[in-house]
Amino acid sequence: MRQTAFVAIAASFIALASLPAHADNTPLAVRASQPIAAPHPSRGMTMAQVQKQFGAPQSKMDPRGGQKRDWPTINRWVYPQFTVYFQRDRVLDVVANKASANEVGPKPPVR
């Protein structure tokens, strides 16, 4: 009897493990470590190079930082598929806006 229950439970776990994973169930840390599938700017490109290759961004967010010499100014340009972070005038990082079209982002902060 116990052995039959154990086999049934093991079979259930195997069946659940074989189901496909969905993007909304993938932890953000795992998704953020995966490369962006679409063409995107590479680290070190200038703002002029990014604009020439990818066109004008949908929006340019207000710069942050720069109050002290040790705090460089960070600019953010938002494109449909990714956001580009610039340190002064060079690409620092590029982050995908969504992994897939039906991904649900994090919940808004509670105020």
Protein backbone atom coordinates (compact mmCIF):
# COMPACT_ATOMS: atom_id res chain seq x y z
CA MET A 1 0.00 0.00 0.00
CA ARG A 2 2.76 2.45 0.95
CA GLN A 3 4.75 1.54 -2.12
CA THR A 4 1.76 2.22 -4.39
CA ALA A 5 1.24 5.66 -2.81
CA PHE A 6 4.95 6.45 -3.21
CA VAL A 7 4.86 5.47 -6.90
CA ALA A 8 1.76 7.63 -7.47
CA ILE A 9 3.38 10.65 -5.81
CA ALA A 10 6.61 10.17 -7.76
CA ALA A 11 4.66 9.90 -11.02
CA SER A 12 2.83 13.15 -10.18
CA PHE A 13 6.11 14.99 -9.62
CA ILE A 14 7.53 13.67 -12.89
CA ALA A 15 4.38 14.77 -14.76
CA LEU A 16 4.56 18.27 -13.24
CA ALA A 17 8.25 18.60 -14.08
CA SER A 18 7.58 17.81 -17.72
CA LEU A 19 5.07 20.69 -18.14
CA PRO A 20 6.44 23.67 -20.06
CA ALA A 21 7.50 26.67 -18.01
CA HIS A 22 5.86 30.04 -18.71
CA ALA A 23 7.63 33.42 -18.74
CA ASP A 24 5.43 34.73 -15.93
CA ASN A 25 6.65 31.88 -13.70
CA THR A 26 10.33 32.56 -14.39
CA PRO A 27 12.06 34.45 -11.58
CA LEU A 28 13.23 37.93 -12.57
CA ALA A 29 16.83 37.12 -11.59
CA VAL A 30 16.89 34.22 -14.06
CA ARG A 31 15.25 36.24 -16.85
CA ALA A 32 17.58 39.21 -16.32
CA SER A 33 20.63 36.98 -16.72
CA GLN A 34 19.45 35.74 -20.14
CA PRO A 35 20.64 37.65 -23.24
CA ILE A 36 18.22 39.89 -25.14
CA ALA A 37 17.00 38.11 -28.29
CA ALA A 38 16.41 41.25 -30.40
CA PRO A 39 19.25 43.33 -31.87
CA HIS A 40 20.33 45.89 -29.28
CA PRO A 41 23.14 48.39 -28.58
CA SER A 42 26.37 47.02 -27.20
CA ARG A 43 28.27 48.32 -24.20
CA GLY A 44 30.50 51.28 -24.99
CA MET A 45 28.54 52.67 -27.94
CA THR A 46 27.98 56.44 -27.89
CA MET A 47 24.57 58.09 -27.80
CA ALA A 48 25.07 59.24 -31.40
CA GLN A 49 25.88 55.69 -32.55
CA VAL A 50 22.80 54.28 -30.79
CA GLN A 51 20.52 56.91 -32.30
CA LYS A 52 22.02 56.37 -35.77
CA GLN A 53 21.63 52.58 -35.63
CA PHE A 54 18.31 52.25 -33.74
CA GLY A 55 16.62 55.59 -34.43
CA ALA A 56 15.13 58.01 -31.97
CA PRO A 57 13.93 56.45 -28.70
CA GLN A 58 10.26 56.42 -27.71
CA SER A 59 11.19 58.52 -24.70
CA LYS A 60 14.23 59.94 -22.96
CA MET A 61 13.88 59.78 -19.20
CA ASP A 62 15.26 62.51 -16.94
CA PRO A 63 18.96 62.05 -16.11
CA ARG A 64 19.92 60.88 -12.62
CA GLY A 65 23.11 61.42 -10.65
CA GLY A 66 25.90 63.83 -11.39
CA GLN A 67 25.58 65.79 -8.14
CA LYS A 68 29.18 64.93 -7.23
CA ARG A 69 32.23 64.10 -9.30
CA ASP A 70 32.12 60.47 -8.14
CA TRP A 71 28.47 60.13 -9.19
CA PRO A 72 28.30 60.00 -13.00
CA THR A 73 25.18 61.14 -14.81
CA ILE A 74 22.99 58.22 -15.91
CA ASN A 75 20.62 58.72 -18.85
CA ARG A 76 17.89 56.26 -19.89
CA TRP A 77 16.44 55.93 -23.37
CA VAL A 78 13.36 53.74 -23.79
CA TYR A 79 12.85 51.78 -27.03
CA PRO A 80 9.92 49.37 -27.65
CA GLN A 81 11.93 46.23 -26.82
CA PHE A 82 14.64 47.49 -24.46
CA THR A 83 15.85 50.35 -22.29
CA VAL A 84 19.39 51.69 -22.76
CA TYR A 85 21.32 53.04 -19.76
CA PHE A 86 24.10 55.52 -20.52
CA GLN A 87 26.90 56.61 -18.20
CA ARG A 88 27.61 60.11 -19.40
CA ASP A 89 27.41 59.49 -23.20
CA ARG A 90 28.34 55.76 -23.39
CA VAL A 91 26.13 52.65 -23.18
CA LEU A 92 26.47 51.15 -19.73
CA ASP A 93 23.79 48.46 -19.98
CA VAL A 94 20.73 47.38 -21.99
CA VAL A 95 17.69 45.77 -20.33
CA ALA A 96 14.79 43.99 -22.06
CA ASN A 97 11.44 45.64 -21.32
CA LYS A 98 9.56 42.32 -21.52
CA ALA A 99 10.68 38.75 -22.18
CA SER A 100 7.49 38.01 -24.12
CA ALA A 101 4.39 39.90 -25.24
CA ASN A 102 2.14 38.23 -22.62
CA GLU A 103 4.51 38.71 -19.69
CA VAL A 104 3.06 40.44 -16.67
CA GLY A 105 5.50 42.75 -14.95
CA PRO A 106 5.97 43.23 -11.20
CA LYS A 107 3.12 44.65 -9.17
CA PRO A 108 3.22 48.44 -8.70
CA PRO A 109 4.51 49.65 -5.32
CA VAL A 110 2.00 50.11 -2.54
CA ARG A 111 1.81 53.73 -1.36
